[in-house]
């Protein structure tokens, strides 16, 4: 069996443990607020319902990383307008999930969309995540520049590198490195201060996810600023804490599995006491246990 496939039972197990998590993709847009924060150099971050947006601002115009969801497009445009008069020249997608690509069609008619080739495939076909089905995006919402390993855009006085890390959160994850500004946008390879969501049905894997975070830590300098897919802007110590959480909680669940405990027994016993509050924002401790368990016990593991 291919290493990217899960049994139907495993997928249902994970989805059933995520009841209520769909709120991330269906929040009330009427009261949504877009907040702007200066990060470093040319780079800013926009925060709203969905994934965080990275913005490069300068003489060449604007480049954005991810775009939230379509009902928020005009609010995003307003926030960008407060940063300068420059037109959005490029849009990068860190992966396919609709809280990061839901407004692609609003931007793609005027700015080329850049992504890993698996993102174009997923956005052009029907997909499911968190028990919800999403149809193909229209042509203007699809990436027109795709790549396999890495790609560089020379923009606003710096090299902006998009680097693919395989099979972690999804099969199309990239991190975006703003070289002169010393900022990295990690997409959903980093949930700052909270348990992450791993999309096992889209090629994600807990062990590979952890390895990808480790690979980023090996590359970035100590004084880097990091935009996560969700949560506040962080630094290398925040990412190290996140990596430690991944390794420790995975080891805990693995040890329970090796003693013969079922998922239900693990969830009843294990609350990951060393990480208080991490399950209060998005993914709960039982849900995180379920994702680790499903990843470690998948048929092809």
Protein backbone atom coordinates (compact mmCIF):
# COMPACT_ATOMS: atom_id res chain seq x y z
CA UNK A 1 0.00 0.00 0.00
CA UNK A 2 1.22 3.51 -0.80
CA UNK A 3 2.65 5.33 2.22
CA UNK A 4 0.34 8.28 1.56
CA UNK A 5 -2.91 6.33 2.01
CA UNK A 6 -4.96 5.65 5.11
CA UNK A 7 -7.60 3.05 5.74
CA UNK A 8 -11.19 4.32 5.65
CA UNK A 9 -11.53 3.39 9.31
CA UNK A 10 -8.53 5.49 10.28
CA UNK A 11 -9.80 8.54 8.40
CA UNK A 12 -13.21 8.24 10.03
CA UNK A 13 -11.56 7.83 13.42
CA UNK A 14 -9.71 11.09 13.03
CA UNK A 15 -12.67 12.99 11.60
CA UNK A 16 -15.00 11.76 14.32
CA UNK A 17 -12.55 13.02 16.94
CA UNK A 18 -12.63 16.48 15.37
CA UNK A 19 -16.31 17.25 15.91
CA UNK A 20 -16.53 20.98 16.46
CA UNK A 21 -13.21 21.82 14.84
CA UNK A 22 -15.03 22.82 11.65
CA UNK A 23 -15.57 26.21 13.29
CA UNK A 24 -12.10 27.19 12.05
CA UNK A 25 -13.43 27.07 8.48
CA UNK A 26 -16.88 28.45 9.22
CA UNK A 27 -16.48 31.34 11.63
CA UNK A 28 -18.91 34.26 11.59
CA UNK A 29 -17.45 36.70 9.07
CA UNK A 30 -19.80 39.55 9.93
CA UNK A 31 -17.86 40.47 13.06
CA UNK A 32 -14.41 39.52 11.79
CA UNK A 33 -11.56 41.98 12.29
CA UNK A 34 -8.29 42.02 10.33
CA UNK A 35 -5.35 43.02 12.52
CA UNK A 36 -2.00 44.17 11.14
CA UNK A 37 1.40 43.74 12.76
CA UNK A 38 4.84 44.82 11.58
CA UNK A 39 7.16 41.81 11.75
CA UNK A 40 10.63 42.83 10.47
CA UNK A 41 12.22 44.43 7.43
CA UNK A 42 9.71 44.64 4.59
CA UNK A 43 7.35 42.09 6.13
CA UNK A 44 4.02 42.49 7.91
CA UNK A 45 1.43 39.98 9.10
CA UNK A 46 -2.36 40.15 8.88
CA UNK A 47 -4.48 38.20 11.37
CA UNK A 48 -8.13 37.23 10.96
CA UNK A 49 -10.36 34.13 10.87
CA UNK A 50 -8.28 31.49 9.12
CA UNK A 51 -4.59 31.33 8.37
CA UNK A 52 -2.24 34.25 8.97
CA UNK A 53 -1.25 36.32 5.93
CA UNK A 54 2.35 37.41 5.33
CA UNK A 55 2.91 40.62 3.36
CA UNK A 56 6.03 42.01 1.68
CA UNK A 57 5.74 45.77 1.13
CA UNK A 58 8.15 47.88 -0.91
CA UNK A 59 8.94 49.70 -4.13
CA UNK A 60 8.04 46.66 -6.24
CA UNK A 61 4.56 46.52 -4.75
CA UNK A 62 3.12 43.82 -2.50
CA UNK A 63 3.54 40.07 -2.28
CA UNK A 64 1.17 38.16 -0.02
CA UNK A 65 1.42 34.69 1.48
CA UNK A 66 -2.05 33.10 1.83
CA UNK A 67 -5.34 34.98 1.64
CA UNK A 68 -7.93 33.88 4.25
CA UNK A 69 -11.46 33.31 2.89
CA UNK A 70 -13.49 35.09 0.23
CA UNK A 71 -15.94 36.93 2.54
CA UNK A 72 -12.93 38.73 4.03
CA UNK A 73 -11.30 39.88 0.79
CA UNK A 74 -12.44 43.50 0.98
CA UNK A 75 -11.29 43.76 4.59
CA UNK A 76 -7.92 42.33 3.60
CA UNK A 77 -7.71 44.84 0.76
CA UNK A 78 -8.44 47.61 3.24
CA UNK A 79 -5.70 46.41 5.59
CA UNK A 80 -3.23 46.23 2.71
CA UNK A 81 -4.23 49.73 1.62
CA UNK A 82 -3.10 51.03 4.99
CA UNK A 83 0.37 49.58 4.37
CA UNK A 84 0.97 51.36 1.06
CA UNK A 85 -0.29 52.07 -2.43
CA UNK A 86 1.48 49.14 -4.04
CA UNK A 87 -0.48 46.62 -6.04
CA UNK A 88 -0.38 42.94 -5.06
CA UNK A 89 2.01 41.40 -7.60
CA UNK A 90 2.27 37.82 -6.27
CA UNK A 91 0.24 35.46 -4.09
CA UNK A 92 1.88 32.40 -2.55
CA UNK A 93 -0.17 29.53 -1.11
CA UNK A 94 1.49 27.62 1.74
CA UNK A 95 -0.90 24.64 1.18
CA UNK A 96 -4.40 23.97 -0.18
CA UNK A 97 -6.69 24.36 2.86
CA UNK A 98 -9.55 26.82 2.33
CA UNK A 99 -8.71 28.99 5.34
CA UNK A 100 -5.49 29.84 3.45
CA UNK A 101 -6.69 29.77 -0.18
CA UNK A 102 -10.39 30.59 0.07
CA UNK A 103 -9.98 33.99 -1.59
CA UNK A 104 -7.61 32.83 -4.37
CA UNK A 105 -10.12 33.66 -7.10
CA UNK A 106 -10.33 37.25 -5.84
CA UNK A 107 -6.60 37.78 -6.34
CA UNK A 108 -5.67 35.42 -9.17
CA UNK A 109 -7.06 37.60 -11.94
CA UNK A 110 -4.48 40.31 -11.22
CA UNK A 111 -1.61 38.53 -9.45
CA UNK A 112 -0.01 35.20 -10.38
CA UNK A 113 -0.56 32.52 -7.75
CA UNK A 114 2.50 30.45 -6.80
CA UNK A 115 2.36 27.09 -4.98
CA UNK A 116 3.67 23.55 -4.84
CA UNK A 117 2.32 21.46 -7.71
CA UNK A 118 0.27 19.30 -5.30
CA UNK A 119 -1.62 22.42 -4.23
CA UNK A 120 -2.75 23.10 -7.80
CA UNK A 121 -3.86 19.48 -8.10
CA UNK A 122 -5.89 19.64 -4.90
CA UNK A 123 -7.44 23.03 -5.66
CA UNK A 124 -8.48 21.84 -9.13
CA UNK A 125 -10.24 18.70 -7.81
CA UNK A 126 -12.82 17.95 -5.12
CA UNK A 127 -11.29 17.68 -1.66
CA UNK A 128 -12.45 16.85 1.85
CA UNK A 129 -11.12 18.10 5.17
CA UNK A 130 -12.64 18.08 8.66
CA UNK A 131 -15.72 16.32 7.29
CA UNK A 132 -16.42 19.11 4.79
CA UNK A 133 -16.29 18.82 0.98
CA UNK A 134 -14.81 21.52 -1.25
CA UNK A 135 -15.26 21.65 -5.00
CA UNK A 136 -12.62 22.75 -7.51
CA UNK A 137 -11.72 26.44 -7.60
CA UNK A 138 -12.37 28.39 -10.79
CA UNK A 139 -9.42 28.83 -13.13
CA UNK A 140 -8.56 32.26 -11.75
CA UNK A 141 -8.13 30.74 -8.29
CA UNK A 142 -5.58 28.12 -9.31
CA UNK A 143 -1.80 28.49 -9.04
CA UNK A 144 -0.26 29.35 -12.40
CA UNK A 145 3.35 28.91 -11.25
CA UNK A 146 4.07 25.58 -9.56
CA UNK A 147 7.26 23.88 -8.43
CA UNK A 148 8.51 20.67 -6.85
CA UNK A 149 11.33 21.54 -4.45
CA UNK A 150 12.01 25.27 -4.23
CA UNK A 151 11.53 28.54 -6.05
CA UNK A 152 12.85 32.09 -5.62
CA UNK A 153 11.13 35.41 -6.27
CA UNK A 154 13.38 38.49 -6.26
CA UNK A 155 11.11 41.22 -4.97
CA UNK A 156 11.33 44.37 -2.83
CA UNK A 157 15.11 44.11 -2.58
CA UNK A 158 15.35 40.55 -1.31
CA UNK A 159 15.22 36.93 -2.38
CA UNK A 160 11.97 35.36 -1.24
CA UNK A 161 12.41 31.58 -1.24
CA UNK A 162 9.54 29.09 -1.21
CA UNK A 163 10.73 25.69 0.02
CA UNK A 164 8.67 22.48 -0.08
CA UNK A 165 8.75 20.14 2.92
CA UNK A 166 6.97 16.87 2.11
CA UNK A 167 4.07 15.12 3.77
CA UNK A 168 3.83 16.97 7.08
CA UNK A 169 0.63 19.00 7.45
CA UNK A 170 -0.38 18.12 3.86
CA UNK A 171 1.49 16.93 0.76
CA UNK A 172 1.88 20.48 -0.58
CA UNK A 173 3.40 22.41 2.35
CA UNK A 174 5.88 25.21 1.77
CA UNK A 175 7.70 27.61 4.04
CA UNK A 176 8.47 31.09 2.72
CA UNK A 177 11.80 32.66 3.68
CA UNK A 178 12.21 36.45 3.33
CA UNK A 179 16.01 36.43 3.25
CA UNK A 180 16.91 40.06 3.99
CA UNK A 181 14.01 40.74 6.33
CA UNK A 182 14.92 37.54 8.22
CA UNK A 183 11.31 36.37 8.42
CA UNK A 184 9.89 32.91 7.75
CA UNK A 185 6.22 32.21 7.07
CA UNK A 186 5.70 28.55 8.00
CA UNK A 187 2.07 28.08 7.07
CA UNK A 188 0.47 25.27 9.04
CA UNK A 189 3.78 23.63 9.82
CA UNK A 190 3.67 25.90 12.89
CA UNK A 191 0.72 26.43 15.24
CA UNK A 192 2.22 28.76 17.83
CA UNK A 193 1.29 27.72 21.38
CA UNK A 194 -1.35 25.18 20.38
CA UNK A 195 -1.70 21.59 19.23
CA UNK A 196 -1.64 21.40 15.41
CA UNK A 197 -4.03 19.88 12.92
CA UNK A 198 -2.43 17.20 10.73
CA UNK A 199 -4.45 16.45 7.58
CA UNK A 200 -3.82 12.71 7.30
CA UNK A 201 -6.25 12.50 4.37
CA UNK A 202 -4.18 15.01 2.37
CA UNK A 203 -0.84 13.29 2.79
CA UNK A 204 0.00 14.58 6.26
CA UNK A 205 1.88 12.56 8.86
CA UNK A 206 2.78 13.37 12.47
CA UNK A 207 6.33 11.99 12.30
CA UNK A 208 7.11 13.75 9.01
CA UNK A 209 5.54 16.93 10.37
CA UNK A 210 7.92 16.78 13.33
CA UNK A 211 10.85 16.10 11.02
CA UNK A 212 9.91 19.09 8.88
CA UNK A 213 9.86 21.39 11.89
CA UNK A 214 13.28 20.04 12.87
CA UNK A 215 14.56 20.74 9.33
CA UNK A 216 13.41 24.35 9.58
CA UNK A 217 15.09 24.75 12.97
CA UNK A 218 18.34 23.50 11.43
CA UNK A 219 18.20 26.20 8.73
CA UNK A 220 17.03 29.39 10.39
CA UNK A 221 19.16 31.86 12.37
CA UNK A 222 18.67 32.62 16.04
CA UNK A 223 17.20 36.09 15.49
CA UNK A 224 14.57 35.07 12.94
CA UNK A 225 10.94 36.14 13.24
CA UNK A 226 8.39 33.44 12.40
CA UNK A 227 4.84 33.86 11.12
CA UNK A 228 2.87 30.71 11.99
CA UNK A 229 -0.17 29.48 10.13
CA UNK A 230 -2.12 30.10 13.34
CA UNK A 231 -1.23 31.97 16.49
CA UNK A 232 0.95 35.01 17.18
CA UNK A 233 4.23 35.86 15.47
CA UNK A 234 6.99 33.95 17.21
CA UNK A 235 10.72 33.42 17.40
CA UNK A 236 13.05 30.46 17.33
CA UNK A 237 12.40 29.64 20.97
CA UNK A 238 8.66 29.39 20.27
CA UNK A 239 9.38 27.00 17.40
CA UNK A 240 11.71 24.95 19.62
CA UNK A 241 8.96 24.64 22.23
CA UNK A 242 6.56 23.55 19.51
CA UNK A 243 9.03 20.90 18.30
CA UNK A 244 9.58 19.65 21.84
CA UNK A 245 5.82 19.34 22.30
CA UNK A 246 5.55 17.31 19.09
CA UNK A 247 8.30 14.88 20.08
CA UNK A 248 7.18 14.49 23.70
CA UNK A 249 3.48 14.01 23.05
CA UNK A 250 4.16 11.58 20.20
CA UNK A 251 6.46 9.57 22.47
CA UNK A 252 3.76 9.48 25.14
CA UNK A 253 1.11 8.15 22.77
CA UNK A 254 3.57 5.65 21.27
CA UNK A 255 4.35 4.30 24.76
CA UNK A 256 0.64 3.87 25.48
CA UNK A 257 0.16 2.03 22.18
CA UNK A 258 3.05 -0.30 22.99
CA UNK A 259 1.35 -1.28 26.26
CA UNK A 260 -1.74 -2.27 24.31
CA UNK A 261 -4.02 0.63 25.23
CA UNK A 262 -6.80 1.62 22.86
CA UNK A 263 -7.26 5.19 21.64
CA UNK A 264 -10.21 5.62 23.98
CA UNK A 265 -8.09 4.50 26.95
CA UNK A 266 -5.30 6.88 25.95
CA UNK A 267 -7.71 9.78 25.62
CA UNK A 268 -9.26 9.04 28.99
CA UNK A 269 -5.88 8.97 30.70
CA UNK A 270 -3.66 11.39 28.79
CA UNK A 271 -4.13 15.16 29.02
CA UNK A 272 -0.54 16.19 28.22
CA UNK A 273 -0.16 17.98 31.54
CA UNK A 274 3.17 19.53 30.54
CA UNK A 275 1.35 21.64 27.93
CA UNK A 276 -1.48 23.43 29.77
CA UNK A 277 -3.55 25.66 27.53
CA UNK A 278 -2.30 24.15 24.27
CA UNK A 279 -5.61 22.36 23.79
CA UNK A 280 -7.80 25.35 24.60
CA UNK A 281 -7.52 27.26 21.33
CA UNK A 282 -8.20 24.84 18.48
CA UNK A 283 -7.24 21.16 18.68
CA UNK A 284 -7.97 19.61 22.08
CA UNK A 285 -5.71 17.10 23.81
CA UNK A 286 -8.03 14.16 22.92
CA UNK A 287 -8.12 15.30 19.29
CA UNK A 288 -4.33 15.60 19.19
CA UNK A 289 -4.04 12.13 20.75
CA UNK A 290 -6.32 10.79 17.99
CA UNK A 291 -4.17 12.29 15.22
CA UNK A 292 -0.96 10.91 16.72
CA UNK A 293 -2.59 7.51 17.24
CA UNK A 294 -3.95 7.38 13.69
CA UNK A 295 -0.61 8.38 12.23
CA UNK A 296 1.34 5.81 14.26
CA UNK A 297 -1.10 2.96 13.64
CA UNK A 298 -1.94 3.55 9.98
CA UNK A 299 -1.90 0.36 7.92
CA UNK A 300 1.22 1.33 5.99
CA UNK A 301 3.25 2.75 8.91
